[in-house]
Amino acid sequence: MSSHPAELSIPPFSLTRLARRWLEEDTPTFDPAGVCVGDGQVEAWLLCKTPHSVLAGSPFFSAVFRELGCSVDWKLQEGRLIGPGALTLTAVVRGPARGLLLGERPALNALARASGIASRCSRLRALAAAAGWGGELAGTRKTTPGFRLVEKYAMMVGGVATHRHDLSGMVMLKDNHVWASGSITQAVKAARSVCGFSSKVEVECCSADEAREAIRAGADIVMLDNFQPQELHAAAEALKQEFPAVVVEASGGVTPENLSSYFSGHVDVVSLGCITQGCPVVDFSLKVQKPAALKNDQHQE
């Protein structure tokens, strides 16, 4: 089964490091329950119980079980829409019972979270397509500590831009940077003096005048923060007329319910914290099969 392009962006050592960290967190010392199951070979079915979801996170799921001597046979491709049945066989995990049960919860946590984010991203992209908007939807750094790689990866699978991954990436000067520096102009010039030609500079702006100051100081991107839609569209149009090359981003207060009101031909990017904050997970379960059940697969893709 061919891989999703996003899978090739994850360094293998990052998968191994995360899988080991999650396993150590979940079983820091003994595994008393492992005594009752032993190391006999078993098979477990991964079942999706949330129809019409996007599958994301399979590299992380597989990495956990690889650490435990188990194999994963995926029945659905990464990025595929799951459903419409109430239960969908998504993968089969095989290996020693003790190892399979050690990895169950960490692997499911990663898969459920990633699939939830990818599903929300896919729905948001559908809203943009239906409105005929040609800009980019983007995530934010409002991610779960220690879980950012999974969540940013899920955005890629769901078709949404990841925005900057961390503070070492693109320079974003927010209000606190400006206040601590003394002015937008001083903040941009200071950042530009060290970031070099390879990094773009973005400035969070609370008014069109602040955006003009940022652009004149050398900002590549201006974020119009917490603008009401009507105010946003007027400011974005004026800025594009004066500075055609600038990238205009809208952010702050954007939700799936009001997203379409932020679409405009003058707005290039709309970023949403709700992609990761408060995003529902996709419900998966992993069920070890009794020998008789292996001969009678009643679950259809």
Protein backbone atom coordinates (compact mmCIF):
# COMPACT_ATOMS: atom_id res chain seq x y z
CA MET A 1 0.00 0.00 0.00
CA SER A 2 1.50 3.35 -1.04
CA SER A 3 2.37 5.88 1.65
CA HIS A 4 0.97 9.36 2.12
CA PRO A 5 3.48 12.07 1.07
CA ALA A 6 3.43 13.53 4.60
CA GLU A 7 4.80 10.26 6.00
CA LEU A 8 8.08 10.83 4.17
CA SER A 9 8.59 14.11 6.04
CA ILE A 10 9.05 12.42 9.43
CA PRO A 11 12.64 11.37 10.24
CA PRO A 12 12.66 7.71 11.36
CA PHE A 13 14.67 8.56 14.48
CA SER A 14 11.95 11.02 15.54
CA LEU A 15 9.37 8.24 15.37
CA THR A 16 11.58 5.96 17.46
CA ARG A 17 12.28 8.67 20.04
CA LEU A 18 8.60 9.52 20.47
CA ALA A 19 7.49 5.87 20.65
CA ARG A 20 10.05 5.10 23.37
CA ARG A 21 9.12 8.21 25.33
CA TRP A 22 5.41 7.35 25.26
CA LEU A 23 6.05 3.75 26.28
CA GLU A 24 8.30 4.80 29.15
CA GLU A 25 5.69 7.27 30.35
CA ASP A 26 2.94 4.64 30.35
CA THR A 27 5.02 1.85 31.93
CA PRO A 28 7.79 3.48 34.00
CA THR A 29 8.52 0.38 36.12
CA PHE A 30 6.65 -2.95 36.21
CA ASP A 31 3.79 -4.28 34.08
CA PRO A 32 1.93 -6.58 36.51
CA ALA A 33 -0.92 -7.20 34.05
CA GLY A 34 1.57 -8.56 31.53
CA VAL A 35 2.05 -11.62 33.71
CA CYS A 36 -1.43 -12.93 32.94
CA VAL A 37 -1.13 -12.71 29.14
CA GLY A 38 2.44 -13.88 28.51
CA ASP A 39 4.34 -13.76 25.23
CA GLY A 40 2.11 -15.98 23.10
CA GLN A 41 1.38 -14.69 19.59
CA VAL A 42 -1.99 -12.95 19.20
CA GLU A 43 -3.83 -10.90 16.64
CA ALA A 44 -5.78 -7.72 17.36
CA TRP A 45 -8.09 -5.71 15.13
CA LEU A 46 -7.93 -1.93 15.06
CA LEU A 47 -11.52 -0.73 14.71
CA CYS A 48 -12.62 2.82 13.94
CA LYS A 49 -15.88 3.76 15.65
CA THR A 50 -16.20 7.32 14.26
CA PRO A 51 -17.52 7.16 10.69
CA HIS A 52 -16.51 9.76 8.09
CA SER A 53 -13.16 10.48 9.76
CA VAL A 54 -9.76 10.95 8.13
CA LEU A 55 -7.13 8.38 9.07
CA ALA A 56 -3.93 10.07 10.29
CA GLY A 57 -1.11 9.03 12.57
CA SER A 58 -0.36 5.55 11.26
CA PRO A 59 3.45 6.12 11.33
CA PHE A 60 3.30 6.85 15.06
CA PHE A 61 0.97 3.92 15.74
CA SER A 62 3.27 1.56 13.84
CA ALA A 63 6.39 2.94 15.53
CA VAL A 64 5.02 2.11 18.99
CA PHE A 65 4.36 -1.50 18.07
CA ARG A 66 7.65 -1.86 16.21
CA GLU A 67 9.42 -1.13 19.51
CA LEU A 68 7.53 -4.06 21.06
CA GLY A 69 8.17 -6.66 18.38
CA CYS A 70 4.72 -6.37 16.81
CA SER A 71 3.74 -5.86 13.18
CA VAL A 72 0.91 -3.73 11.81
CA ASP A 73 -0.96 -4.58 8.61
CA TRP A 74 -2.88 -1.48 7.51
CA LYS A 75 -6.15 -2.06 5.70
CA LEU A 76 -6.68 1.62 4.91
CA GLN A 77 -4.22 4.16 3.54
CA GLU A 78 -3.12 7.23 5.52
CA GLY A 79 -5.32 10.20 4.63
CA ARG A 80 -8.25 7.98 3.61
CA LEU A 81 -11.79 8.84 4.68
CA ILE A 82 -13.02 6.10 7.00
CA GLY A 83 -16.55 4.83 6.93
CA PRO A 84 -19.45 4.88 6.57
CA GLY A 85 -20.01 1.84 8.77
CA ALA A 86 -20.34 2.02 12.54
CA LEU A 87 -17.22 -0.17 12.79
CA THR A 88 -14.44 -0.17 10.22
CA LEU A 89 -11.51 -2.56 10.27
CA THR A 90 -8.53 -0.23 9.89
CA ALA A 91 -5.50 -2.41 10.67
CA VAL A 92 -4.45 -5.75 12.12
CA VAL A 93 -1.72 -5.90 14.76
CA ARG A 94 0.17 -9.15 15.36
CA GLY A 95 2.76 -10.01 17.97
CA PRO A 96 3.38 -11.19 21.53
CA ALA A 97 0.35 -10.56 23.75
CA ARG A 98 2.34 -8.74 26.41
CA GLY A 99 3.92 -6.41 23.86
CA LEU A 100 0.65 -5.74 22.09
CA LEU A 101 -1.05 -4.71 25.34
CA LEU A 102 1.91 -2.58 26.41
CA GLY A 103 1.61 -0.56 23.22
CA GLU A 104 -2.17 -0.40 22.99
CA ARG A 105 -2.86 2.86 24.82
CA PRO A 106 0.11 4.98 23.62
CA ALA A 107 -0.51 3.92 20.02
CA LEU A 108 -4.26 4.61 20.22
CA ASN A 109 -3.69 7.99 21.84
CA ALA A 110 -1.49 9.13 18.97
CA LEU A 111 -3.81 7.77 16.30
CA ALA A 112 -6.99 9.17 17.86
CA ARG A 113 -5.51 12.64 18.29
CA ALA A 114 -3.93 12.81 14.85
CA SER A 115 -7.05 11.53 13.10
CA GLY A 116 -9.23 14.04 14.96
CA ILE A 117 -7.07 16.94 13.84
CA ALA A 118 -6.84 15.70 10.25
CA SER A 119 -10.61 15.26 10.15
CA ARG A 120 -11.21 18.82 11.34
CA CYS A 121 -8.67 20.15 8.83
CA SER A 122 -10.32 18.26 6.00
CA ARG A 123 -13.73 19.72 6.88
CA LEU A 124 -12.31 23.25 7.07
CA ARG A 125 -10.67 22.83 3.67
CA ALA A 126 -14.02 21.69 2.27
CA LEU A 127 -15.60 24.92 3.56
CA ALA A 128 -12.92 26.97 1.83
CA ALA A 129 -13.34 25.05 -1.42
CA ALA A 130 -17.12 25.44 -1.32
CA ALA A 131 -16.68 29.21 -0.91
CA GLY A 132 -14.24 29.37 -3.80
CA TRP A 133 -11.52 30.85 -1.60
CA GLY A 134 -8.00 30.26 -2.87
CA GLY A 135 -5.99 31.16 0.23
CA GLU A 136 -4.42 28.91 2.85
CA LEU A 137 -5.80 27.70 6.14
CA ALA A 138 -3.13 27.28 8.80
CA GLY A 139 -2.64 25.93 12.28
CA THR A 140 -0.84 27.63 15.16
CA ARG A 141 1.67 26.83 17.92
CA LYS A 142 -1.25 26.14 20.28
CA THR A 143 -0.28 22.50 20.46
CA THR A 144 -0.07 19.90 23.22
CA PRO A 145 3.38 19.99 24.92
CA GLY A 146 5.47 17.05 23.73
CA PHE A 147 2.96 16.18 21.02
CA ARG A 148 3.61 18.92 18.45
CA LEU A 149 5.15 16.69 15.79
CA VAL A 150 2.04 14.50 15.78
CA GLU A 151 -0.32 17.45 15.62
CA LYS A 152 1.57 19.35 12.93
CA TYR A 153 1.83 16.14 10.91
CA ALA A 154 -1.94 15.65 11.21
CA MET A 155 -2.48 19.12 9.76
CA MET A 156 -0.43 18.11 6.72
CA VAL A 157 -2.51 14.96 6.22
CA GLY A 158 -5.71 17.01 6.58
CA GLY A 159 -4.60 19.51 3.94
CA VAL A 160 -3.92 22.53 6.18
CA ALA A 161 -0.69 24.52 6.37
CA THR A 162 1.29 23.89 9.55
CA HIS A 163 2.41 27.54 9.91
CA ARG A 164 5.73 27.78 11.79
CA HIS A 165 6.71 24.71 13.75
CA ASP A 166 8.54 26.48 16.56
CA LEU A 167 10.29 29.70 17.56
CA SER A 168 13.37 28.73 15.55
CA GLY A 169 11.40 28.82 12.31
CA MET A 170 9.77 31.87 10.76
CA VAL A 171 10.04 35.01 12.89
CA MET A 172 6.73 36.15 14.36
CA LEU A 173 6.73 39.36 16.35
CA LYS A 174 3.70 39.55 18.61
CA ASP A 175 2.46 42.44 20.70
CA ASN A 176 4.70 41.53 23.64
CA HIS A 177 7.78 41.61 21.41
CA VAL A 178 6.78 45.04 20.12
CA TRP A 179 6.09 46.44 23.58
CA ALA A 180 9.37 45.07 24.93
CA SER A 181 11.30 46.49 21.96
CA GLY A 182 9.69 49.90 22.02
CA SER A 183 8.12 49.92 18.55
CA ILE A 184 7.21 47.77 15.59
CA THR A 185 10.02 49.31 13.54
CA GLN A 186 12.65 48.56 16.18
CA ALA A 187 11.39 45.00 16.64
CA VAL A 188 11.45 44.21 12.91
CA LYS A 189 14.89 45.69 12.37
CA ALA A 190 16.34 43.81 15.35
CA ALA A 191 14.88 40.51 14.20
CA ARG A 192 15.91 41.07 10.59
CA SER A 193 19.50 41.74 11.67
CA VAL A 194 19.91 38.15 12.90
CA CYS A 195 17.42 35.99 10.95
CA GLY A 196 19.06 36.47 7.56
CA PHE A 197 17.58 36.13 4.09
CA SER A 198 16.18 32.62 4.64
CA SER A 199 13.55 33.51 7.26
CA LYS A 200 10.40 35.50 6.73
CA VAL A 201 9.31 38.05 9.31
CA GLU A 202 5.67 38.32 10.39
CA VAL A 203 4.22 40.97 12.68
CA GLU A 204 1.00 40.77 14.67
CA CYS A 205 -0.94 44.00 14.09
CA CYS A 206 -4.01 45.45 15.78
CA SER A 207 -4.69 48.09 13.12
CA ALA A 208 -4.02 48.88 9.48
CA ASP A 209 -1.62 51.63 10.54
CA GLU A 210 0.43 49.14 12.57
CA ALA A 211 0.51 46.88 9.52
CA ARG A 212 1.79 49.73 7.35
CA GLU A 213 4.57 50.43 9.86
CA ALA A 214 5.53 46.76 9.90
CA ILE A 215 5.65 46.48 6.11
CA ARG A 216 7.74 49.66 5.76
CA ALA A 217 10.14 48.28 8.37
CA GLY A 218 10.64 45.12 6.31
CA ALA A 219 7.97 42.62 7.39
CA ASP A 220 7.01 40.01 4.81
CA ILE A 221 3.71 39.04 6.45
CA VAL A 222 1.25 41.01 8.56
CA MET A 223 -1.22 39.27 10.83
CA LEU A 224 -4.42 41.25 11.30
CA ASP A 225 -5.29 40.01 14.76
CA ASN A 226 -8.80 39.94 16.23
CA PHE A 227 -10.34 42.01 13.44
CA GLN A 228 -14.06 41.68 12.86
CA PRO A 229 -14.70 40.33 9.34
CA GLN A 230 -15.97 43.59 7.83
CA GLU A 231 -13.04 45.53 9.33
CA LEU A 232 -10.65 42.82 8.20
CA HIS A 233 -11.73 42.92 4.56
CA ALA A 234 -11.47 46.72 4.36
CA ALA A 235 -8.00 46.75 5.93
CA ALA A 236 -6.73 43.85 3.82
CA GLU A 237 -7.93 45.48 0.60
CA ALA A 238 -6.28 48.80 1.48
CA LEU A 239 -3.00 47.10 2.38
CA LYS A 240 -2.94 45.02 -0.80
CA GLN A 241 -3.52 48.11 -2.92
CA GLU A 242 -0.63 49.91 -1.23
CA PHE A 243 1.70 46.89 -0.82
CA PRO A 244 0.73 44.22 -3.39
CA ALA A 245 3.54 41.82 -2.42
CA VAL A 246 2.72 41.61 1.30
CA VAL A 247 1.08 38.47 2.66
CA VAL A 248 -1.99 39.20 4.79
CA GLU A 249 -2.98 36.73 7.49
CA ALA A 250 -6.18 36.85 9.53
CA SER A 251 -6.25 35.33 12.99
CA GLY A 252 -8.02 35.60 16.32
CA GLY A 253 -11.58 34.55 17.06
CA VAL A 254 -11.86 32.33 13.98
CA THR A 255 -13.96 29.19 14.48
CA PRO A 256 -15.37 26.51 12.16
CA GLU A 257 -18.75 28.24 12.51
CA ASN A 258 -17.62 31.72 11.39
CA LEU A 259 -14.69 30.74 9.17
CA SER A 260 -16.41 31.54 5.87
CA SER A 261 -16.92 35.18 6.91
CA TYR A 262 -13.12 35.66 6.91
CA PHE A 263 -12.64 34.59 3.28
CA SER A 264 -11.62 37.38 0.94
CA GLY A 265 -9.57 37.79 -2.19
CA HIS A 266 -7.29 40.12 -0.19
CA VAL A 267 -6.68 37.67 2.68
CA ASP A 268 -3.98 35.12 1.92
CA VAL A 269 -3.97 33.06 5.13
CA VAL A 270 -6.48 32.35 7.89
CA SER A 271 -5.04 30.66 10.99
CA LEU A 272 -7.11 28.88 13.62
CA GLY A 273 -6.10 27.73 17.09
CA CYS A 274 -9.18 25.48 17.24
CA ILE A 275 -7.47 23.07 14.84
CA THR A 276 -5.63 21.70 17.87
CA GLN A 277 -7.39 23.26 20.87
CA GLY A 278 -10.65 21.53 21.76
CA CYS A 279 -10.56 19.31 18.68
CA PRO A 280 -12.54 16.05 19.10
CA VAL A 281 -10.60 12.82 18.74
CA VAL A 282 -11.53 9.90 16.52
CA ASP A 283 -12.64 6.84 18.49
CA PHE A 284 -10.51 3.74 17.83
CA SER A 285 -10.33 0.49 19.76
CA LEU A 286 -7.92 -2.43 19.57
CA LYS A 287 -9.51 -5.82 20.18
CA VAL A 288 -7.52 -9.01 20.67
CA GLN A 289 -9.24 -11.78 18.72
CA LYS A 290 -10.07 -15.19 20.08
CA PRO A 291 -8.88 -18.00 17.79
CA ALA A 292 -12.41 -18.76 16.56
CA ALA A 293 -13.04 -15.12 15.69
CA LEU A 294 -10.03 -15.04 13.37
CA LYS A 295 -11.87 -17.38 11.00
CA ASN A 296 -15.00 -15.26 10.82
CA ASP A 297 -14.23 -11.62 9.95
CA GLN A 298 -17.59 -9.88 10.05
CA HIS A 299 -16.21 -6.34 9.82
CA GLN A 300 -16.18 -4.75 6.40
CA GLU A 301 -14.12 -1.79 5.28
